[in-house]
Amino acid sequence: MLDQLPLLLTGFVASFFSALAGGGAGLVQFPALIALGLPFTMAIATHKVAVVALGVGSIGKLLRSFKFDWRFIGLMLAVGVPGLVIGNLSALTLPPAPGKVLFGVTNIGMALYSILKPNFGVIAAPRNREGRGLWIGAGLMAFVGFLCGVFPSGPGLFATLVFLRWFGFDYQAAVASTMLMVALVWNSIAGVTVALAAPVRWDWIPALAIGGVLGGYFGSSLALLKGNRFIKRAFETVTMLMGAWLLLQGLETLQ
């Protein structure tokens, strides 16, 4: 039981902050798995399987409290799946360092963009929901699907940003949509894909999953309770930390 406690806490903390900010579970969980002794490829596979619990925990609360546009979400889900599968298989073979540097800088830029725009995502301003704008947004989300496959940490935040910036969601709607699309469905597909292609530390999954379900549920509950400005600050904090971690990891690997 004592051996499983760090895993349960890791799953809880990772999912709690991810459910608050609309992504970033890998900021805690992936490096923790590395620190606990898993080799890189096994850590990716174990993280991809365990993080499905985030979606299970968060969506249980969101489905009772939030009204989704199912046709819109279904389109965004579908366009991202091919890139997601390709990205997952690529993640097991590609050198990660250059991507980490680029991704780290981009995450920091996302955080600064939100910080410098005080009302960004606070009030919904729906746009690009039909015609050319909708399909450009679908293309952006297809690319996010690929990123979610390639990188073990952070791409869910990009999905949240697309919902915010391109489609004009407020933070509550953007995070709820990311939890449904990325945390539940895409993560489930990614978990199956990676589990078939790489070794998973299956004896760690139950504790990570229990912590993930609880963290996702309580994180989503707090996000719904506190509102858009609180979620905005959580998004900025997690994105900035994610960017700094990826940038440092990438620079260290390149040296």
C-alpha atoms as a PDB file:
ATOM      1  CA  MET A   1       0.000   0.000   0.000  1.00  0.00           C
ATOM      2  CA  LEU A   2       2.814   2.417   0.889  1.00  0.00           C
ATOM      3  CA  ASP A   3       4.508   1.669  -2.432  1.00  0.00           C
ATOM      4  CA  GLN A   4       1.304   2.615  -4.285  1.00  0.00           C
ATOM      5  CA  LEU A   5       0.709   5.888  -2.389  1.00  0.00           C
ATOM      6  CA  PRO A   6       3.175   8.008  -4.438  1.00  0.00           C
ATOM      7  CA  LEU A   7       1.493   6.746  -7.616  1.00  0.00           C
ATOM      8  CA  LEU A   8      -1.982   7.583  -6.323  1.00  0.00           C
ATOM      9  CA  LEU A   9      -0.853  11.090  -5.325  1.00  0.00           C
ATOM     10  CA  THR A  10       0.865  11.564  -8.678  1.00  0.00           C
ATOM     11  CA  GLY A  11      -2.309  10.630 -10.547  1.00  0.00           C
ATOM     12  CA  PHE A  12      -4.436  12.882  -8.337  1.00  0.00           C
ATOM     13  CA  VAL A  13      -2.254  16.001  -8.578  1.00  0.00           C
ATOM     14  CA  ALA A  14      -1.697  15.616 -12.329  1.00  0.00           C
ATOM     15  CA  SER A  15      -5.403  15.214 -13.087  1.00  0.00           C
ATOM     16  CA  PHE A  16      -6.556  17.870 -10.621  1.00  0.00           C
ATOM     17  CA  PHE A  17      -4.525  20.656 -12.207  1.00  0.00           C
ATOM     18  CA  SER A  18      -5.185  19.411 -15.726  1.00  0.00           C
ATOM     19  CA  ALA A  19      -8.949  19.484 -15.129  1.00  0.00           C
ATOM     20  CA  LEU A  20      -8.617  23.035 -13.808  1.00  0.00           C
ATOM     21  CA  ALA A  21      -6.518  24.379 -16.675  1.00  0.00           C
ATOM     22  CA  GLY A  22      -7.619  22.318 -19.675  1.00  0.00           C
ATOM     23  CA  GLY A  23      -4.470  20.233 -20.023  1.00  0.00           C
ATOM     24  CA  GLY A  24      -1.023  19.673 -18.593  1.00  0.00           C
ATOM     25  CA  ALA A  25      -1.356  16.355 -16.747  1.00  0.00           C
ATOM     26  CA  GLY A  26       2.016  15.325 -18.123  1.00  0.00           C
ATOM     27  CA  LEU A  27       3.669  18.228 -16.290  1.00  0.00           C
ATOM     28  CA  VAL A  28       3.380  16.187 -13.094  1.00  0.00           C
ATOM     29  CA  GLN A  29       2.779  12.586 -14.124  1.00  0.00           C
ATOM     30  CA  PHE A  30       5.301  11.999 -16.910  1.00  0.00           C
ATOM     31  CA  PRO A  31       8.407  13.362 -15.112  1.00  0.00           C
ATOM     32  CA  ALA A  32       7.248  11.604 -11.930  1.00  0.00           C
ATOM     33  CA  LEU A  33       7.225   8.259 -13.756  1.00  0.00           C
ATOM     34  CA  ILE A  34      10.733   8.971 -15.041  1.00  0.00           C
ATOM     35  CA  ALA A  35      11.865   9.911 -11.521  1.00  0.00           C
ATOM     36  CA  LEU A  36      10.356   6.690 -10.150  1.00  0.00           C
ATOM     37  CA  GLY A  37      12.615   4.702 -12.461  1.00  0.00           C
ATOM     38  CA  LEU A  38      10.734   3.962 -15.667  1.00  0.00           C
ATOM     39  CA  PRO A  39      12.689   4.140 -18.939  1.00  0.00           C
ATOM     40  CA  PHE A  40      11.531   6.844 -21.373  1.00  0.00           C
ATOM     41  CA  THR A  41       9.463   4.658 -23.718  1.00  0.00           C
ATOM     42  CA  MET A  42       7.766   2.770 -20.877  1.00  0.00           C
ATOM     43  CA  ALA A  43       7.039   6.071 -19.099  1.00  0.00           C
ATOM     44  CA  ILE A  44       5.323   7.395 -22.247  1.00  0.00           C
ATOM     45  CA  ALA A  45       3.228   4.251 -22.601  1.00  0.00           C
ATOM     46  CA  THR A  46       2.310   4.084 -18.904  1.00  0.00           C
ATOM     47  CA  HIS A  47       1.398   7.769 -18.826  1.00  0.00           C
ATOM     48  CA  LYS A  48      -0.757   7.482 -21.968  1.00  0.00           C
ATOM     49  CA  VAL A  49      -2.703   4.572 -20.465  1.00  0.00           C
ATOM     50  CA  ALA A  50      -3.056   6.031 -16.962  1.00  0.00           C
ATOM     51  CA  VAL A  51      -4.119   9.524 -18.060  1.00  0.00           C
ATOM     52  CA  VAL A  52      -7.388   8.140 -19.453  1.00  0.00           C
ATOM     53  CA  ALA A  53      -8.564   8.278 -15.822  1.00  0.00           C
ATOM     54  CA  LEU A  54      -8.433  12.084 -15.987  1.00  0.00           C
ATOM     55  CA  GLY A  55     -11.166  12.088 -18.619  1.00  0.00           C
ATOM     56  CA  VAL A  56     -13.267   9.555 -16.732  1.00  0.00           C
ATOM     57  CA  GLY A  57     -13.155  11.592 -13.532  1.00  0.00           C
ATOM     58  CA  SER A  58     -13.707  15.023 -15.058  1.00  0.00           C
ATOM     59  CA  ILE A  59     -16.412  14.124 -17.554  1.00  0.00           C
ATOM     60  CA  GLY A  60     -18.583  12.537 -14.876  1.00  0.00           C
ATOM     61  CA  LYS A  61     -18.979  15.988 -13.333  1.00  0.00           C
ATOM     62  CA  LEU A  62     -19.096  17.978 -16.576  1.00  0.00           C
ATOM     63  CA  LEU A  63     -21.852  15.944 -18.229  1.00  0.00           C
ATOM     64  CA  ARG A  64     -24.168  16.799 -15.342  1.00  0.00           C
ATOM     65  CA  SER A  65     -23.244  20.482 -15.267  1.00  0.00           C
ATOM     66  CA  PHE A  66     -22.431  21.575 -18.824  1.00  0.00           C
ATOM     67  CA  LYS A  67     -24.307  21.545 -22.136  1.00  0.00           C
ATOM     68  CA  PHE A  68     -22.116  20.394 -25.042  1.00  0.00           C
ATOM     69  CA  ASP A  69     -22.642  21.075 -28.754  1.00  0.00           C
ATOM     70  CA  TRP A  70     -22.336  17.410 -29.730  1.00  0.00           C
ATOM     71  CA  ARG A  71     -22.180  17.956 -33.517  1.00  0.00           C
ATOM     72  CA  PHE A  72     -19.354  20.456 -33.153  1.00  0.00           C
ATOM     73  CA  ILE A  73     -17.428  18.348 -30.631  1.00  0.00           C
ATOM     74  CA  GLY A  74     -17.937  15.243 -32.784  1.00  0.00           C
ATOM     75  CA  LEU A  75     -16.315  16.963 -35.773  1.00  0.00           C
ATOM     76  CA  MET A  76     -13.347  18.154 -33.706  1.00  0.00           C
ATOM     77  CA  LEU A  77     -12.953  14.662 -32.269  1.00  0.00           C
ATOM     78  CA  ALA A  78     -13.006  12.979 -35.656  1.00  0.00           C
ATOM     79  CA  VAL A  79     -10.530  15.222 -37.453  1.00  0.00           C
ATOM     80  CA  GLY A  80      -7.908  14.741 -34.751  1.00  0.00           C
ATOM     81  CA  VAL A  81      -7.926  10.933 -34.591  1.00  0.00           C
ATOM     82  CA  PRO A  82      -5.681  10.147 -37.639  1.00  0.00           C
ATOM     83  CA  GLY A  83      -2.983  12.554 -36.476  1.00  0.00           C
ATOM     84  CA  LEU A  84      -3.326  11.258 -32.933  1.00  0.00           C
ATOM     85  CA  VAL A  85      -2.581   7.660 -33.961  1.00  0.00           C
ATOM     86  CA  ILE A  86       0.320   8.695 -36.220  1.00  0.00           C
ATOM     87  CA  GLY A  87       1.720  10.928 -33.488  1.00  0.00           C
ATOM     88  CA  ASN A  88       1.504   8.195 -30.861  1.00  0.00           C
ATOM     89  CA  LEU A  89       3.477   5.756 -32.981  1.00  0.00           C
ATOM     90  CA  SER A  90       5.995   8.475 -33.904  1.00  0.00           C
ATOM     91  CA  ALA A  91       6.544   9.383 -30.245  1.00  0.00           C
ATOM     92  CA  LEU A  92       8.107   5.986 -29.608  1.00  0.00           C
ATOM     93  CA  THR A  93      10.828   6.529 -32.227  1.00  0.00           C
ATOM     94  CA  LEU A  94      11.456  10.259 -32.763  1.00  0.00           C
ATOM     95  CA  PRO A  95      14.153  12.230 -30.874  1.00  0.00           C
ATOM     96  CA  PRO A  96      12.177  14.500 -28.524  1.00  0.00           C
ATOM     97  CA  ALA A  97      14.693  17.288 -27.766  1.00  0.00           C
ATOM     98  CA  PRO A  98      14.057  19.778 -30.648  1.00  0.00           C
ATOM     99  CA  GLY A  99      10.318  19.430 -30.259  1.00  0.00           C
ATOM    100  CA  LYS A 100      10.544  20.048 -26.520  1.00  0.00           C
ATOM    101  CA  VAL A 101      12.407  23.315 -27.078  1.00  0.00           C
ATOM    102  CA  LEU A 102       9.898  24.530 -29.680  1.00  0.00           C
ATOM    103  CA  PHE A 103       6.949  23.362 -27.641  1.00  0.00           C
ATOM    104  CA  GLY A 104       8.320  24.941 -24.473  1.00  0.00           C
ATOM    105  CA  VAL A 105       8.733  28.344 -26.114  1.00  0.00           C
ATOM    106  CA  THR A 106       5.246  28.081 -27.610  1.00  0.00           C
ATOM    107  CA  ASN A 107       3.669  27.222 -24.256  1.00  0.00           C
ATOM    108  CA  ILE A 108       5.336  30.214 -22.623  1.00  0.00           C
ATOM    109  CA  GLY A 109       4.044  32.376 -25.471  1.00  0.00           C
ATOM    110  CA  MET A 110       0.507  31.048 -24.916  1.00  0.00           C
ATOM    111  CA  ALA A 111       0.672  31.926 -21.221  1.00  0.00           C
ATOM    112  CA  LEU A 112       1.980  35.438 -21.913  1.00  0.00           C
ATOM    113  CA  TYR A 113      -0.726  36.008 -24.538  1.00  0.00           C
ATOM    114  CA  SER A 114      -3.449  35.201 -22.012  1.00  0.00           C
ATOM    115  CA  ILE A 115      -1.787  37.231 -19.250  1.00  0.00           C
ATOM    116  CA  LEU A 116      -1.460  40.333 -21.451  1.00  0.00           C
ATOM    117  CA  LYS A 117      -5.152  40.150 -22.465  1.00  0.00           C
ATOM    118  CA  PRO A 118      -7.086  40.519 -19.185  1.00  0.00           C
ATOM    119  CA  ASN A 119     -10.481  39.686 -20.690  1.00  0.00           C
ATOM    120  CA  PHE A 120      -9.317  36.854 -22.966  1.00  0.00           C
ATOM    121  CA  GLY A 121     -11.609  33.862 -22.445  1.00  0.00           C
ATOM    122  CA  VAL A 122     -13.596  35.546 -19.685  1.00  0.00           C
ATOM    123  CA  ILE A 123     -16.619  36.273 -21.890  1.00  0.00           C
ATOM    124  CA  ALA A 124     -17.668  33.972 -24.734  1.00  0.00           C
ATOM    125  CA  ALA A 125     -17.568  35.497 -28.249  1.00  0.00           C
ATOM    126  CA  PRO A 126     -18.687  32.666 -30.601  1.00  0.00           C
ATOM    127  CA  ARG A 127     -17.105  32.715 -34.053  1.00  0.00           C
ATOM    128  CA  ASN A 128     -15.931  30.408 -36.853  1.00  0.00           C
ATOM    129  CA  ARG A 129     -18.675  27.856 -36.172  1.00  0.00           C
ATOM    130  CA  GLU A 130     -19.632  27.374 -39.844  1.00  0.00           C
ATOM    131  CA  GLY A 131     -18.259  27.537 -43.384  1.00  0.00           C
ATOM    132  CA  ARG A 132     -14.601  28.300 -44.056  1.00  0.00           C
ATOM    133  CA  GLY A 133     -13.853  29.318 -40.470  1.00  0.00           C
ATOM    134  CA  LEU A 134     -15.152  26.006 -39.136  1.00  0.00           C
ATOM    135  CA  TRP A 135     -12.968  23.977 -41.493  1.00  0.00           C
ATOM    136  CA  ILE A 136      -9.864  26.030 -40.767  1.00  0.00           C
ATOM    137  CA  GLY A 137     -10.521  25.360 -37.090  1.00  0.00           C
ATOM    138  CA  ALA A 138     -10.933  21.665 -37.837  1.00  0.00           C
ATOM    139  CA  GLY A 139      -7.533  21.727 -39.544  1.00  0.00           C
ATOM    140  CA  LEU A 140      -5.994  23.351 -36.474  1.00  0.00           C
ATOM    141  CA  MET A 141      -7.542  20.686 -34.268  1.00  0.00           C
ATOM    142  CA  ALA A 142      -6.251  17.932 -36.560  1.00  0.00           C
ATOM    143  CA  PHE A 143      -2.737  19.267 -35.984  1.00  0.00           C
ATOM    144  CA  VAL A 144      -3.391  19.391 -32.241  1.00  0.00           C
ATOM    145  CA  GLY A 145      -4.357  15.716 -32.469  1.00  0.00           C
ATOM    146  CA  PHE A 146      -0.935  14.929 -33.932  1.00  0.00           C
ATOM    147  CA  LEU A 147       0.765  16.942 -31.173  1.00  0.00           C
ATOM    148  CA  CYS A 148      -1.242  15.080 -28.536  1.00  0.00           C
ATOM    149  CA  GLY A 149       0.149  11.864 -29.956  1.00  0.00           C
ATOM    150  CA  VAL A 150       3.778  12.955 -30.254  1.00  0.00           C
ATOM    151  CA  PHE A 151       4.252  14.725 -26.923  1.00  0.00           C
ATOM    152  CA  PRO A 152       3.567  13.131 -23.533  1.00  0.00           C
ATOM    153  CA  SER A 153       3.043  16.551 -21.932  1.00  0.00           C
ATOM    154  CA  GLY A 154       1.128  19.682 -22.821  1.00  0.00           C
ATOM    155  CA  PRO A 155      -0.788  19.400 -26.111  1.00  0.00           C
ATOM    156  CA  GLY A 156      -4.172  19.406 -24.388  1.00  0.00           C
ATOM    157  CA  LEU A 157      -3.452  23.047 -23.601  1.00  0.00           C
ATOM    158  CA  PHE A 158      -3.274  23.688 -27.362  1.00  0.00           C
ATOM    159  CA  ALA A 159      -6.765  22.256 -27.797  1.00  0.00           C
ATOM    160  CA  THR A 160      -7.978  24.614 -25.082  1.00  0.00           C
ATOM    161  CA  LEU A 161      -6.294  27.532 -26.870  1.00  0.00           C
ATOM    162  CA  VAL A 162      -7.949  26.656 -30.207  1.00  0.00           C
ATOM    163  CA  PHE A 163     -11.345  26.582 -28.523  1.00  0.00           C
ATOM    164  CA  LEU A 164     -10.587  29.950 -26.901  1.00  0.00           C
ATOM    165  CA  ARG A 165      -8.865  31.888 -29.669  1.00  0.00           C
ATOM    166  CA  TRP A 166     -10.346  30.478 -32.877  1.00  0.00           C
ATOM    167  CA  PHE A 167     -13.838  29.467 -31.817  1.00  0.00           C
ATOM    168  CA  GLY A 168     -14.417  32.148 -29.163  1.00  0.00           C
ATOM    169  CA  PHE A 169     -15.238  29.887 -26.217  1.00  0.00           C
ATOM    170  CA  ASP A 170     -14.937  31.195 -22.681  1.00  0.00           C
ATOM    171  CA  TYR A 171     -12.585  29.337 -20.338  1.00  0.00           C
ATOM    172  CA  GLN A 172     -15.232  27.133 -18.757  1.00  0.00           C
ATOM    173  CA  ALA A 173     -16.523  25.929 -22.125  1.00  0.00           C
ATOM    174  CA  ALA A 174     -13.014  25.517 -23.560  1.00  0.00           C
ATOM    175  CA  VAL A 175     -11.762  23.443 -20.628  1.00  0.00           C
ATOM    176  CA  ALA A 176     -14.942  21.334 -20.533  1.00  0.00           C
ATOM    177  CA  SER A 177     -14.629  20.617 -24.270  1.00  0.00           C
ATOM    178  CA  THR A 178     -10.949  19.713 -23.901  1.00  0.00           C
ATOM    179  CA  MET A 179     -11.720  17.336 -21.058  1.00  0.00           C
ATOM    180  CA  LEU A 180     -14.318  15.553 -23.184  1.00  0.00           C
ATOM    181  CA  MET A 181     -12.392  15.514 -26.450  1.00  0.00           C
ATOM    182  CA  VAL A 182      -8.761  15.130 -25.351  1.00  0.00           C
ATOM    183  CA  ALA A 183      -8.843  13.782 -21.814  1.00  0.00           C
ATOM    184  CA  LEU A 184     -11.524  11.166 -22.393  1.00  0.00           C
ATOM    185  CA  VAL A 185     -11.748  10.167 -26.068  1.00  0.00           C
ATOM    186  CA  TRP A 186      -8.328  11.006 -27.526  1.00  0.00           C
ATOM    187  CA  ASN A 187      -6.520   9.753 -24.438  1.00  0.00           C
ATOM    188  CA  SER A 188      -8.463   6.477 -24.624  1.00  0.00           C
ATOM    189  CA  ILE A 189      -7.457   5.992 -28.271  1.00  0.00           C
ATOM    190  CA  ALA A 190      -3.866   6.947 -27.445  1.00  0.00           C
ATOM    191  CA  GLY A 191      -3.766   4.521 -24.532  1.00  0.00           C
ATOM    192  CA  VAL A 192      -4.867   1.597 -26.706  1.00  0.00           C
ATOM    193  CA  THR A 193      -2.483   2.553 -29.539  1.00  0.00           C
ATOM    194  CA  VAL A 194       0.566   2.886 -27.323  1.00  0.00           C
ATOM    195  CA  ALA A 195      -0.244  -0.178 -25.206  1.00  0.00           C
ATOM    196  CA  LEU A 196      -0.194  -2.298 -28.356  1.00  0.00           C
ATOM    197  CA  ALA A 197       3.174  -0.904 -29.440  1.00  0.00           C
ATOM    198  CA  ALA A 198       5.216  -0.454 -26.243  1.00  0.00           C
ATOM    199  CA  PRO A 199       5.592  -1.972 -22.749  1.00  0.00           C
ATOM    200  CA  VAL A 200       3.345  -0.594 -20.009  1.00  0.00           C
ATOM    201  CA  ARG A 201       3.987  -0.846 -16.269  1.00  0.00           C
ATOM    202  CA  TRP A 202       0.565  -2.391 -15.654  1.00  0.00           C
ATOM    203  CA  ASP A 203       1.010  -2.904 -11.915  1.00  0.00           C
ATOM    204  CA  TRP A 204       1.252   0.895 -11.527  1.00  0.00           C
ATOM    205  CA  ILE A 205      -1.891   1.645 -13.510  1.00  0.00           C
ATOM    206  CA  PRO A 206      -4.550   0.991 -10.789  1.00  0.00           C
ATOM    207  CA  ALA A 207      -3.082   3.505  -8.314  1.00  0.00           C
ATOM    208  CA  LEU A 208      -2.453   6.104 -11.035  1.00  0.00           C
ATOM    209  CA  ALA A 209      -5.982   5.590 -12.370  1.00  0.00           C
ATOM    210  CA  ILE A 210      -7.698   5.909  -8.979  1.00  0.00           C
ATOM    211  CA  GLY A 211      -5.786   9.110  -8.283  1.00  0.00           C
ATOM    212  CA  GLY A 212      -6.584  10.336 -11.798  1.00  0.00           C
ATOM    213  CA  VAL A 213     -10.342   9.772 -11.477  1.00  0.00           C
ATOM    214  CA  LEU A 214     -10.465  11.566  -8.134  1.00  0.00           C
ATOM    215  CA  GLY A 215      -8.250  14.422  -9.327  1.00  0.00           C
ATOM    216  CA  GLY A 216     -10.257  14.901 -12.508  1.00  0.00           C
ATOM    217  CA  TYR A 217     -13.535  14.983 -10.611  1.00  0.00           C
ATOM    218  CA  PHE A 218     -12.431  17.458  -7.944  1.00  0.00           C
ATOM    219  CA  GLY A 219     -10.529  19.632 -10.435  1.00  0.00           C
ATOM    220  CA  SER A 220     -13.576  19.938 -12.710  1.00  0.00           C
ATOM    221  CA  SER A 221     -15.822  20.614  -9.703  1.00  0.00           C
ATOM    222  CA  LEU A 222     -13.580  23.470  -8.563  1.00  0.00           C
ATOM    223  CA  ALA A 223     -13.363  24.905 -12.081  1.00  0.00           C
ATOM    224  CA  LEU A 224     -17.164  24.983 -12.399  1.00  0.00           C
ATOM    225  CA  LEU A 225     -17.484  26.539  -8.946  1.00  0.00           C
ATOM    226  CA  LYS A 226     -14.870  29.284  -9.358  1.00  0.00           C
ATOM    227  CA  GLY A 227     -15.620  30.452 -12.914  1.00  0.00           C
ATOM    228  CA  ASN A 228     -13.706  31.848 -15.871  1.00  0.00           C
ATOM    229  CA  ARG A 229     -11.205  34.182 -14.201  1.00  0.00           C
ATOM    230  CA  PHE A 230     -10.040  31.462 -11.835  1.00  0.00           C
ATOM    231  CA  ILE A 231      -9.669  28.994 -14.734  1.00  0.00           C
ATOM    232  CA  LYS A 232      -7.828  31.664 -16.746  1.00  0.00           C
ATOM    233  CA  ARG A 233      -5.217  32.007 -13.984  1.00  0.00           C
ATOM    234  CA  ALA A 234      -4.917  28.226 -13.708  1.00  0.00           C
ATOM    235  CA  PHE A 235      -4.416  27.945 -17.481  1.00  0.00           C
ATOM    236  CA  GLU A 236      -1.731  30.660 -17.455  1.00  0.00           C
ATOM    237  CA  THR A 237       0.101  29.088 -14.511  1.00  0.00           C
ATOM    238  CA  VAL A 238       0.067  25.522 -15.822  1.00  0.00           C
ATOM    239  CA  THR A 239       0.987  26.629 -19.353  1.00  0.00           C
ATOM    240  CA  MET A 240       3.909  28.727 -18.134  1.00  0.00           C
ATOM    241  CA  LEU A 241       5.212  25.904 -15.932  1.00  0.00           C
ATOM    242  CA  MET A 242       4.747  23.390 -18.736  1.00  0.00           C
ATOM    243  CA  GLY A 243       6.630  25.626 -21.157  1.00  0.00           C
ATOM    244  CA  ALA A 244       9.537  26.170 -18.757  1.00  0.00           C
ATOM    245  CA  TRP A 245       9.798  22.444 -18.013  1.00  0.00           C
ATOM    246  CA  LEU A 246       9.759  21.440 -21.680  1.00  0.00           C
ATOM    247  CA  LEU A 247      12.261  24.135 -22.611  1.00  0.00           C
ATOM    248  CA  LEU A 248      14.703  23.114 -19.871  1.00  0.00           C
ATOM    249  CA  GLN A 249      14.314  19.420 -20.721  1.00  0.00           C
ATOM    250  CA  GLY A 250      14.913  20.085 -24.395  1.00  0.00           C
ATOM    251  CA  LEU A 251      17.976  22.287 -23.844  1.00  0.00           C
ATOM    252  CA  GLU A 252      19.443  19.747 -21.425  1.00  0.00           C
ATOM    253  CA  THR A 253      18.995  16.934 -23.952  1.00  0.00           C
ATOM    254  CA  LEU A 254      20.535  18.989 -26.775  1.00  0.00           C
ATOM    255  CA  GLN A 255      23.720  19.661 -24.791  1.00  0.00           C
END
